[in-house]
């Protein structure tokens, strides 16, 4: 429940300064939502949850932006499966970020989730276009909600969102420096980040062998497919490299009998393996797209779609043009030429040219963006603190007395290993995620 003291203070505050108006939405607490036309015919959906913390003003707590991956996966997944106030089943989540922070979910790129384009030609084709759309969105959001101008802002993103967020943060930082937007950006946190795709792919065979999911024969087959992906990528055949990435996944499915790419310890339906293999064989491109966008089991995907298209769309009174997940696969196809391109140089720009904290979070049980690949690309970054980072100690994280992970920091770069967590760290290990947020998205006590 939203504390009565906070409601009274909130209403008093709103009368004086707020353009955006908190209102009741779907689930507990005060919310706001809407669309921003980032380009003519390209509409981006946002959903803001005001913190339920007992504070005089909600702006006393930081604003956290959440971006999902794919590209083409909706931030509604993060909302209802990872960190929002309600679970997919409608239960109250006891580790929701909203209890301490204002959380802004954005369906991005356009065409994702509730976001939509009037013409498929308006879909983004690369990371730079995504960043520009997000910058346009942010300018309009702050125009409508100027009360957040002096509130610390932190961008958090997952998976392919971890590739989008650094470039978004960099262009937003420049816009703030140029006086184009009045905001207080302080950090960018990337969870299971698809920053260096080929380092992830090349880490798969060793990871699976060492975890006991394949033998040496399986290792060699996966390694061969991964090296072929690297060869195609190095030749600049970027879209073909994306489909070869999907082919490498199909080899893994066959060799492991259907391992869960997002958490290798999740139980899989043994009978579904042949179906998945048949799916890859029948239509590799569609299977690759589905694999990139799928974040849960097919049953839970359908549950989420039913919830969004039914009760949520009705409660929020969303326009008929906005049909949840109607354009997600088109988003991935449009981005296929950019999917395998590295984005480490953008992280280097953040470290060398801004004062922003860069927080990298990796789950021990994640395969799709496996920890060994993240370690490799981080250590290759060229920035003025590289030697210091390489020499820095790796310390344990145990805020409640149990070892939850490890951390390594130097300057503005912070790396976290999350134990007992896969791709979705906020859901799998909320204790270590809360520790990270409290350390980097600090607020006055």
Protein backbone atom coordinates (compact mmCIF):
# COMPACT_ATOMS: atom_id res chain seq x y z
CA UNK A 1 0.00 0.00 0.00
CA UNK A 2 1.06 3.58 -0.64
CA UNK A 3 1.55 5.25 2.80
CA UNK A 4 -1.11 7.89 3.64
CA UNK A 5 1.62 10.29 4.72
CA UNK A 6 3.25 9.96 1.33
CA UNK A 7 -0.04 10.43 -0.53
CA UNK A 8 -0.74 13.68 1.27
CA UNK A 9 2.76 14.99 0.68
CA UNK A 10 2.60 13.87 -2.91
CA UNK A 11 -0.65 15.70 -3.65
CA UNK A 12 0.63 18.85 -1.98
CA UNK A 13 3.81 18.69 -4.02
CA UNK A 14 1.93 18.11 -7.25
CA UNK A 15 -0.17 21.24 -6.85
CA UNK A 16 2.96 23.34 -7.04
CA UNK A 17 5.36 21.84 -9.53
CA UNK A 18 4.28 18.70 -11.37
CA UNK A 19 3.19 18.53 -15.00
CA UNK A 20 2.82 14.73 -14.99
CA UNK A 21 -0.02 13.55 -12.76
CA UNK A 22 0.35 10.34 -10.74
CA UNK A 23 -2.75 8.20 -10.97
CA UNK A 24 -4.01 4.77 -10.16
CA UNK A 25 -3.06 2.21 -12.76
CA UNK A 26 -2.71 -1.55 -12.83
CA UNK A 27 -1.48 -2.80 -9.48
CA UNK A 28 -0.46 -1.01 -6.27
CA UNK A 29 0.97 2.47 -5.90
CA UNK A 30 0.69 5.61 -7.99
CA UNK A 31 1.69 5.42 -11.64
CA UNK A 32 1.72 7.28 -14.92
CA UNK A 33 2.08 6.09 -18.51
CA UNK A 34 1.77 7.19 -22.08
CA UNK A 35 3.39 7.39 -25.50
CA UNK A 36 6.01 9.66 -27.01
CA UNK A 37 6.16 10.05 -30.77
CA UNK A 38 9.93 9.90 -31.14
CA UNK A 39 9.69 10.23 -34.91
CA UNK A 40 6.61 10.84 -37.03
CA UNK A 41 4.73 7.55 -37.00
CA UNK A 42 7.03 5.92 -34.37
CA UNK A 43 5.43 5.71 -30.92
CA UNK A 44 7.31 4.72 -27.75
CA UNK A 45 5.38 3.46 -24.70
CA UNK A 46 6.45 4.23 -21.14
CA UNK A 47 5.11 3.24 -17.73
CA UNK A 48 6.32 5.01 -14.59
CA UNK A 49 5.88 3.63 -11.08
CA UNK A 50 6.31 6.25 -8.36
CA UNK A 51 8.16 4.88 -5.36
CA UNK A 52 6.07 3.53 -2.50
CA UNK A 53 8.77 4.49 0.01
CA UNK A 54 7.60 6.60 2.94
CA UNK A 55 9.12 9.90 1.78
CA UNK A 56 8.02 13.53 1.79
CA UNK A 57 8.42 13.77 -1.99
CA UNK A 58 8.85 10.90 -4.43
CA UNK A 59 11.69 12.90 -6.02
CA UNK A 60 13.68 12.28 -2.83
CA UNK A 61 14.39 8.85 -4.31
CA UNK A 62 16.31 8.20 -7.57
CA UNK A 63 14.67 7.55 -10.92
CA UNK A 64 15.67 4.24 -12.50
CA UNK A 65 15.07 3.55 -16.19
CA UNK A 66 14.62 -0.11 -17.19
CA UNK A 67 15.31 -1.37 -20.73
CA UNK A 68 14.81 -4.99 -21.84
CA UNK A 69 16.69 -6.94 -24.49
CA UNK A 70 15.97 -8.88 -27.65
CA UNK A 71 15.93 -6.54 -29.47
CA UNK A 72 12.17 -6.88 -29.50
CA UNK A 73 11.58 -8.07 -25.92
CA UNK A 74 9.24 -5.85 -23.93
CA UNK A 75 10.16 -4.15 -20.66
CA UNK A 76 6.89 -5.58 -19.39
CA UNK A 77 8.87 -8.79 -18.90
CA UNK A 78 11.15 -6.98 -16.46
CA UNK A 79 8.09 -5.41 -14.87
CA UNK A 80 6.09 -8.58 -14.20
CA UNK A 81 8.81 -11.24 -14.05
CA UNK A 82 11.74 -9.48 -12.39
CA UNK A 83 11.34 -6.25 -10.48
CA UNK A 84 7.93 -4.58 -10.73
CA UNK A 85 5.40 -4.48 -7.86
CA UNK A 86 3.34 -7.44 -9.13
CA UNK A 87 4.28 -10.90 -10.34
CA UNK A 88 2.79 -12.38 -13.49
CA UNK A 89 0.34 -14.25 -11.26
CA UNK A 90 -0.81 -10.98 -9.64
CA UNK A 91 0.96 -11.47 -6.31
CA UNK A 92 2.84 -8.65 -4.59
CA UNK A 93 6.60 -8.95 -5.14
CA UNK A 94 8.54 -8.46 -1.91
CA UNK A 95 11.76 -7.43 -3.66
CA UNK A 96 10.30 -4.90 -6.09
CA UNK A 97 12.54 -1.97 -6.95
CA UNK A 98 9.53 0.34 -6.57
CA UNK A 99 9.67 0.08 -2.78
CA UNK A 100 12.86 2.17 -2.83
CA UNK A 101 12.98 3.87 -6.25
CA UNK A 102 10.90 5.48 -8.96
CA UNK A 103 11.05 3.02 -11.87
CA UNK A 104 10.42 3.94 -15.50
CA UNK A 105 9.82 1.02 -17.88
CA UNK A 106 10.31 1.82 -21.58
CA UNK A 107 9.25 -0.46 -24.42
CA UNK A 108 12.21 0.03 -26.72
CA UNK A 109 13.07 0.00 -29.64
CA UNK A 110 9.87 1.22 -31.27
CA UNK A 111 7.80 -1.77 -32.29
CA UNK A 112 8.56 -3.55 -29.01
CA UNK A 113 5.83 -4.44 -26.50
CA UNK A 114 3.20 -1.69 -26.54
CA UNK A 115 5.41 0.61 -28.63
CA UNK A 116 4.51 0.60 -32.31
CA UNK A 117 5.28 2.05 -35.70
CA UNK A 118 2.74 3.04 -38.33
CA UNK A 119 5.05 1.76 -41.05
CA UNK A 120 7.64 -1.02 -40.71
CA UNK A 121 10.15 1.18 -42.51
CA UNK A 122 10.27 3.25 -39.29
CA UNK A 123 11.79 0.41 -37.27
CA UNK A 124 15.35 1.05 -36.10
CA UNK A 125 18.21 -0.69 -37.88
CA UNK A 126 21.15 -0.03 -35.55
CA UNK A 127 22.18 0.89 -32.03
CA UNK A 128 22.77 4.56 -32.88
CA UNK A 129 19.18 4.98 -34.09
CA UNK A 130 17.91 3.36 -30.91
CA UNK A 131 19.96 5.79 -28.81
CA UNK A 132 18.61 8.80 -30.71
CA UNK A 133 15.02 7.62 -30.24
CA UNK A 134 15.64 7.16 -26.52
CA UNK A 135 17.17 10.62 -26.30
CA UNK A 136 14.11 12.12 -28.01
CA UNK A 137 11.90 10.21 -25.61
CA UNK A 138 13.86 11.38 -22.56
CA UNK A 139 13.65 15.04 -23.59
CA UNK A 140 9.89 14.78 -23.85
CA UNK A 141 9.58 12.82 -20.62
CA UNK A 142 11.49 15.50 -18.71
CA UNK A 143 9.45 18.23 -20.39
CA UNK A 144 6.33 16.55 -19.04
CA UNK A 145 7.90 15.70 -15.67
CA UNK A 146 10.31 18.55 -14.81
CA UNK A 147 10.14 17.65 -11.11
CA UNK A 148 12.67 14.88 -11.84
CA UNK A 149 15.32 17.30 -13.11
CA UNK A 150 17.20 17.36 -9.81
CA UNK A 151 16.61 13.69 -9.03
CA UNK A 152 19.49 11.32 -9.66
CA UNK A 153 18.93 9.22 -12.78
CA UNK A 154 20.28 5.71 -13.37
CA UNK A 155 19.84 3.57 -16.49
CA UNK A 156 19.56 -0.18 -15.97
CA UNK A 157 19.24 -2.64 -18.81
CA UNK A 158 19.43 -6.36 -19.48
CA UNK A 159 20.76 -8.55 -22.29
CA UNK A 160 20.59 -6.69 -25.62
CA UNK A 161 19.46 -3.74 -23.51
CA UNK A 162 23.00 -3.91 -22.11
CA UNK A 163 24.23 -3.05 -25.60
CA UNK A 164 21.68 -0.25 -26.08
CA UNK A 165 22.08 1.40 -22.69
CA UNK A 166 25.74 2.54 -22.96
CA UNK A 167 25.13 4.42 -26.23
CA UNK A 168 21.91 5.89 -24.85
CA UNK A 169 23.78 6.99 -21.72
CA UNK A 170 26.54 8.52 -23.80
CA UNK A 171 24.27 10.62 -26.04
CA UNK A 172 22.16 11.59 -23.03
CA UNK A 173 25.28 12.68 -21.14
CA UNK A 174 26.32 14.86 -24.09
CA UNK A 175 22.85 16.37 -24.31
CA UNK A 176 22.95 17.22 -20.61
CA UNK A 177 26.42 18.76 -20.98
CA UNK A 178 25.19 20.84 -23.94
CA UNK A 179 22.20 22.12 -21.98
CA UNK A 180 19.68 20.35 -24.24
CA UNK A 181 18.07 18.52 -21.33
CA UNK A 182 17.95 19.18 -17.60
CA UNK A 183 18.63 15.82 -15.96
CA UNK A 184 21.03 14.35 -13.41
CA UNK A 185 22.40 11.16 -14.97
CA UNK A 186 24.81 9.37 -12.61
CA UNK A 187 25.26 5.76 -13.71
CA UNK A 188 24.47 3.05 -16.22
CA UNK A 189 24.07 -0.56 -15.09
CA UNK A 190 24.11 -3.40 -17.61
CA UNK A 191 22.96 -6.88 -16.63
CA UNK A 192 23.98 -9.90 -18.75
CA UNK A 193 25.10 -7.36 -21.35
CA UNK A 194 25.33 -8.29 -25.06
CA UNK A 195 28.21 -5.81 -25.44
CA UNK A 196 30.65 -8.14 -27.17
CA UNK A 197 28.52 -10.81 -28.84
CA UNK A 198 31.36 -12.84 -30.28
CA UNK A 199 33.10 -13.13 -26.90
CA UNK A 200 29.86 -14.59 -25.56
CA UNK A 201 29.52 -17.06 -28.45
CA UNK A 202 33.15 -18.20 -28.23
CA UNK A 203 32.77 -18.82 -24.49
CA UNK A 204 29.88 -21.27 -24.95
CA UNK A 205 31.76 -24.52 -25.74
CA UNK A 206 34.20 -24.23 -22.81
CA UNK A 207 31.44 -23.14 -20.43
CA UNK A 208 29.27 -26.14 -21.35
CA UNK A 209 32.16 -28.59 -21.19
CA UNK A 210 33.30 -27.39 -17.78
CA UNK A 211 29.73 -27.44 -16.44
CA UNK A 212 29.28 -31.02 -17.59
CA UNK A 213 26.59 -30.45 -20.22
CA UNK A 214 28.64 -31.81 -23.15
CA UNK A 215 31.50 -34.20 -23.79
CA UNK A 216 34.56 -33.43 -25.94
CA UNK A 217 32.68 -34.40 -29.10
CA UNK A 218 29.89 -31.96 -28.26
CA UNK A 219 32.47 -29.33 -27.35
CA UNK A 220 34.10 -29.65 -30.78
CA UNK A 221 30.80 -29.31 -32.65
CA UNK A 222 29.78 -26.21 -30.71
CA UNK A 223 33.27 -24.74 -31.01
CA UNK A 224 33.24 -25.29 -34.77
CA UNK A 225 29.91 -23.46 -35.13
CA UNK A 226 31.13 -20.63 -32.87
CA UNK A 227 34.36 -20.19 -34.85
CA UNK A 228 32.33 -20.09 -38.07
CA UNK A 229 30.26 -17.30 -36.53
CA UNK A 230 33.47 -15.40 -35.77
CA UNK A 231 34.79 -15.92 -39.30
CA UNK A 232 31.62 -14.57 -40.91
CA UNK A 233 31.56 -11.63 -38.50
CA UNK A 234 35.21 -10.75 -39.20
CA UNK A 235 34.41 -10.67 -42.91
CA UNK A 236 31.82 -7.96 -42.23
CA UNK A 237 28.83 -10.14 -43.17
CA UNK A 238 26.91 -8.96 -40.14
CA UNK A 239 23.40 -10.18 -40.88
CA UNK A 240 24.70 -13.59 -41.91
CA UNK A 241 26.67 -13.70 -38.65
CA UNK A 242 23.39 -13.24 -36.78
CA UNK A 243 21.85 -16.27 -38.48
CA UNK A 244 25.03 -18.28 -37.85
CA UNK A 245 24.69 -17.31 -34.18
CA UNK A 246 21.28 -18.96 -34.33
CA UNK A 247 22.82 -22.01 -35.99
CA UNK A 248 25.32 -22.26 -33.13
CA UNK A 249 22.42 -22.19 -30.70
CA UNK A 250 20.77 -25.04 -32.58
CA UNK A 251 23.94 -27.13 -32.16
CA UNK A 252 23.81 -26.44 -28.42
CA UNK A 253 20.14 -27.45 -28.24
CA UNK A 254 20.98 -30.72 -29.98
CA UNK A 255 24.09 -31.48 -27.91
CA UNK A 256 22.53 -30.63 -24.54
CA UNK A 257 19.03 -31.94 -25.26
CA UNK A 258 17.46 -28.57 -24.73
CA UNK A 259 19.42 -26.62 -22.12
CA UNK A 260 17.84 -23.39 -20.85
CA UNK A 261 20.00 -20.59 -22.26
CA UNK A 262 18.93 -18.15 -19.55
CA UNK A 263 19.62 -20.35 -16.53
CA UNK A 264 21.39 -23.64 -17.13
CA UNK A 265 19.95 -25.18 -13.95
CA UNK A 266 16.31 -24.63 -14.92
CA UNK A 267 14.57 -27.92 -15.64
CA UNK A 268 13.58 -28.46 -19.26
CA UNK A 269 10.79 -30.56 -20.71
CA UNK A 270 12.64 -33.48 -22.26
CA UNK A 271 9.85 -34.05 -24.78
CA UNK A 272 10.13 -30.48 -26.11
CA UNK A 273 13.70 -30.96 -27.34
CA UNK A 274 12.71 -32.55 -30.64
CA UNK A 275 10.20 -29.77 -31.21
CA UNK A 276 12.86 -27.13 -30.67
CA UNK A 277 15.26 -28.90 -33.00
CA UNK A 278 12.54 -29.13 -35.63
CA UNK A 279 11.84 -25.42 -35.19
CA UNK A 280 15.47 -24.53 -35.92
CA UNK A 281 15.59 -26.86 -38.90
CA UNK A 282 12.34 -25.58 -40.38
CA UNK A 283 13.00 -21.86 -40.24
CA UNK A 284 16.39 -20.79 -38.88
CA UNK A 285 15.70 -17.08 -39.19
CA UNK A 286 12.42 -17.23 -37.30
CA UNK A 287 13.92 -19.54 -34.70
CA UNK A 288 16.84 -17.16 -34.22
CA UNK A 289 14.45 -14.25 -33.78
CA UNK A 290 12.29 -16.18 -31.32
CA UNK A 291 15.36 -17.27 -29.36
CA UNK A 292 16.60 -13.69 -28.98
CA UNK A 293 13.22 -12.39 -27.85
CA UNK A 294 12.08 -15.31 -25.67
CA UNK A 295 12.85 -14.69 -22.01
CA UNK A 296 10.68 -17.28 -20.28
CA UNK A 297 8.97 -20.55 -21.05
CA UNK A 298 6.48 -20.48 -23.89
CA UNK A 299 3.66 -20.87 -21.34
CA UNK A 300 4.76 -17.82 -19.36
CA UNK A 301 5.27 -15.85 -22.56
CA UNK A 302 1.65 -16.54 -23.41
CA UNK A 303 0.54 -15.63 -19.89
CA UNK A 304 2.35 -12.29 -20.18
CA UNK A 305 0.86 -11.58 -23.61
CA UNK A 306 -2.64 -12.41 -22.38
CA UNK A 307 -2.21 -10.14 -19.35
CA UNK A 308 -0.89 -7.25 -21.43
CA UNK A 309 -3.47 -7.49 -24.21
CA UNK A 310 -6.32 -7.99 -21.74
CA UNK A 311 -6.43 -6.54 -18.21
CA UNK A 312 -3.45 -4.17 -18.53
CA UNK A 313 -4.44 -2.65 -21.89
CA UNK A 314 -8.00 -2.22 -20.63
CA UNK A 315 -7.01 -0.70 -17.28
CA UNK A 316 -4.52 1.73 -18.86
CA UNK A 317 -6.98 2.47 -21.70
CA UNK A 318 -4.32 2.03 -24.36
CA UNK A 319 -5.22 2.89 -27.95
CA UNK A 320 -6.21 0.09 -30.38
CA UNK A 321 -3.13 0.87 -32.51
CA UNK A 322 -0.96 -0.40 -29.65
CA UNK A 323 -1.21 -4.19 -29.68
CA UNK A 324 1.25 -5.78 -27.27
CA UNK A 325 4.02 -7.79 -28.97
CA UNK A 326 2.49 -7.44 -32.44
CA UNK A 327 5.75 -6.15 -34.00
CA UNK A 328 8.47 -7.73 -31.81
CA UNK A 329 9.77 -10.22 -34.38
CA UNK A 330 9.91 -7.44 -36.98
CA UNK A 331 12.10 -5.45 -34.58
CA UNK A 332 14.64 -8.24 -34.39
CA UNK A 333 14.66 -8.79 -38.15
CA UNK A 334 15.21 -5.07 -38.73
CA UNK A 335 18.15 -5.11 -36.30
CA UNK A 336 19.71 -8.34 -37.63
CA UNK A 337 22.55 -6.48 -39.35
CA UNK A 338 23.53 -4.82 -36.08
CA UNK A 339 22.92 -7.69 -33.66
CA UNK A 340 26.42 -9.21 -33.71
CA UNK A 341 28.35 -5.94 -33.88
CA UNK A 342 30.40 -5.14 -30.75
CA UNK A 343 29.71 -2.10 -28.59
CA UNK A 344 32.76 -2.14 -26.33
CA UNK A 345 33.99 1.12 -27.88
CA UNK A 346 30.91 2.87 -26.48
CA UNK A 347 31.73 1.61 -22.99
CA UNK A 348 35.25 2.97 -23.51
CA UNK A 349 33.78 6.38 -24.39
CA UNK A 350 31.79 6.34 -21.15
CA UNK A 351 34.84 5.47 -19.09
CA UNK A 352 37.22 7.89 -20.83
CA UNK A 353 34.93 10.87 -21.44
CA UNK A 354 32.29 10.95 -18.70
CA UNK A 355 32.12 10.75 -14.93
CA UNK A 356 29.34 8.14 -15.00
CA UNK A 357 29.60 4.93 -13.02
CA UNK A 358 29.59 1.92 -15.36
CA UNK A 359 28.20 -1.13 -13.55
CA UNK A 360 28.44 -4.56 -15.20
CA UNK A 361 26.51 -7.49 -13.70
CA UNK A 362 26.81 -11.11 -14.80
CA UNK A 363 24.98 -14.22 -13.60
CA UNK A 364 26.90 -17.38 -12.78
CA UNK A 365 24.30 -19.65 -14.45
CA UNK A 366 23.69 -17.59 -17.59
CA UNK A 367 24.62 -19.25 -20.86
CA UNK A 368 23.37 -16.83 -23.51
CA UNK A 369 25.66 -14.08 -22.16
CA UNK A 370 27.99 -16.31 -20.20
CA UNK A 371 30.24 -14.89 -17.49
CA UNK A 372 33.55 -15.97 -19.15
CA UNK A 373 32.73 -13.84 -22.21
CA UNK A 374 31.91 -10.82 -20.04
CA UNK A 375 35.20 -11.16 -18.17
CA UNK A 376 37.11 -11.25 -21.46
CA UNK A 377 35.63 -8.16 -23.11
CA UNK A 378 35.87 -6.13 -19.91
CA UNK A 379 39.56 -6.87 -19.58
CA UNK A 380 40.13 -5.84 -23.22
CA UNK A 381 38.63 -2.36 -22.78
CA UNK A 382 41.04 0.45 -23.59
CA UNK A 383 40.65 3.17 -20.98
CA UNK A 384 42.91 5.09 -18.67
CA UNK A 385 42.08 2.87 -15.69
CA UNK A 386 42.62 -0.44 -17.46
CA UNK A 387 45.79 -1.45 -15.60
CA UNK A 388 44.26 -0.46 -12.29
CA UNK A 389 41.18 -2.54 -12.99
CA UNK A 390 43.23 -5.59 -13.99
CA UNK A 391 45.24 -5.35 -10.76
CA UNK A 392 42.27 -4.61 -8.50
CA UNK A 393 41.25 -7.25 -5.95
CA UNK A 394 38.02 -9.22 -6.31
CA UNK A 395 36.03 -9.07 -3.10
CA UNK A 396 33.07 -11.04 -1.82
CA UNK A 397 29.54 -9.66 -1.56
CA UNK A 398 27.51 -10.90 1.40
CA UNK A 399 25.13 -8.22 2.71
CA UNK A 400 23.08 -10.73 4.75
CA UNK A 401 25.92 -12.92 5.94
CA UNK A 402 25.96 -15.36 3.03
CA UNK A 403 28.21 -15.12 -0.01
CA UNK A 404 26.02 -13.78 -2.83
CA UNK A 405 28.68 -12.87 -5.37
CA UNK A 406 31.90 -11.02 -6.04
CA UNK A 407 32.80 -7.47 -7.02
CA UNK A 408 35.79 -5.83 -8.65
CA UNK A 409 36.08 -2.06 -9.02
CA UNK A 410 38.52 0.56 -10.16
CA UNK A 411 37.63 4.16 -10.85
CA UNK A 412 34.21 4.30 -12.48
CA UNK A 413 34.14 0.67 -13.63
CA UNK A 414 32.44 -1.89 -11.39
CA UNK A 415 32.03 -5.59 -12.17
CA UNK A 416 29.71 -7.89 -10.21
CA UNK A 417 29.48 -11.67 -10.38
CA UNK A 418 26.05 -12.82 -9.12
CA UNK A 419 25.98 -16.33 -7.66
CA UNK A 420 22.94 -18.60 -8.04
CA UNK A 421 21.68 -16.34 -10.83
CA UNK A 422 21.20 -16.72 -14.54
CA UNK A 423 20.34 -14.12 -17.16
CA UNK A 424 17.69 -12.41 -15.03
CA UNK A 425 19.73 -11.43 -11.96
CA UNK A 426 17.03 -9.19 -10.37
CA UNK A 427 14.70 -12.18 -10.17
CA UNK A 428 17.23 -14.94 -9.50
CA UNK A 429 19.25 -13.19 -6.79
CA UNK A 430 17.44 -10.08 -5.52
CA UNK A 431 19.79 -9.85 -2.53
CA UNK A 432 22.87 -9.11 -4.62
CA UNK A 433 20.84 -6.86 -6.93
CA UNK A 434 19.62 -4.82 -3.97
CA UNK A 435 23.22 -4.49 -2.75
CA UNK A 436 24.28 -3.16 -6.16
CA UNK A 437 21.43 -0.66 -6.34
CA UNK A 438 22.09 0.66 -2.84
CA UNK A 439 25.75 1.10 -3.68
CA UNK A 440 25.33 2.89 -7.01
CA UNK A 441 21.82 4.43 -6.92
CA UNK A 442 22.31 5.97 -3.53
CA UNK A 443 19.72 8.16 -1.86
CA UNK A 444 19.67 10.23 1.37
CA UNK A 445 18.68 8.24 4.45
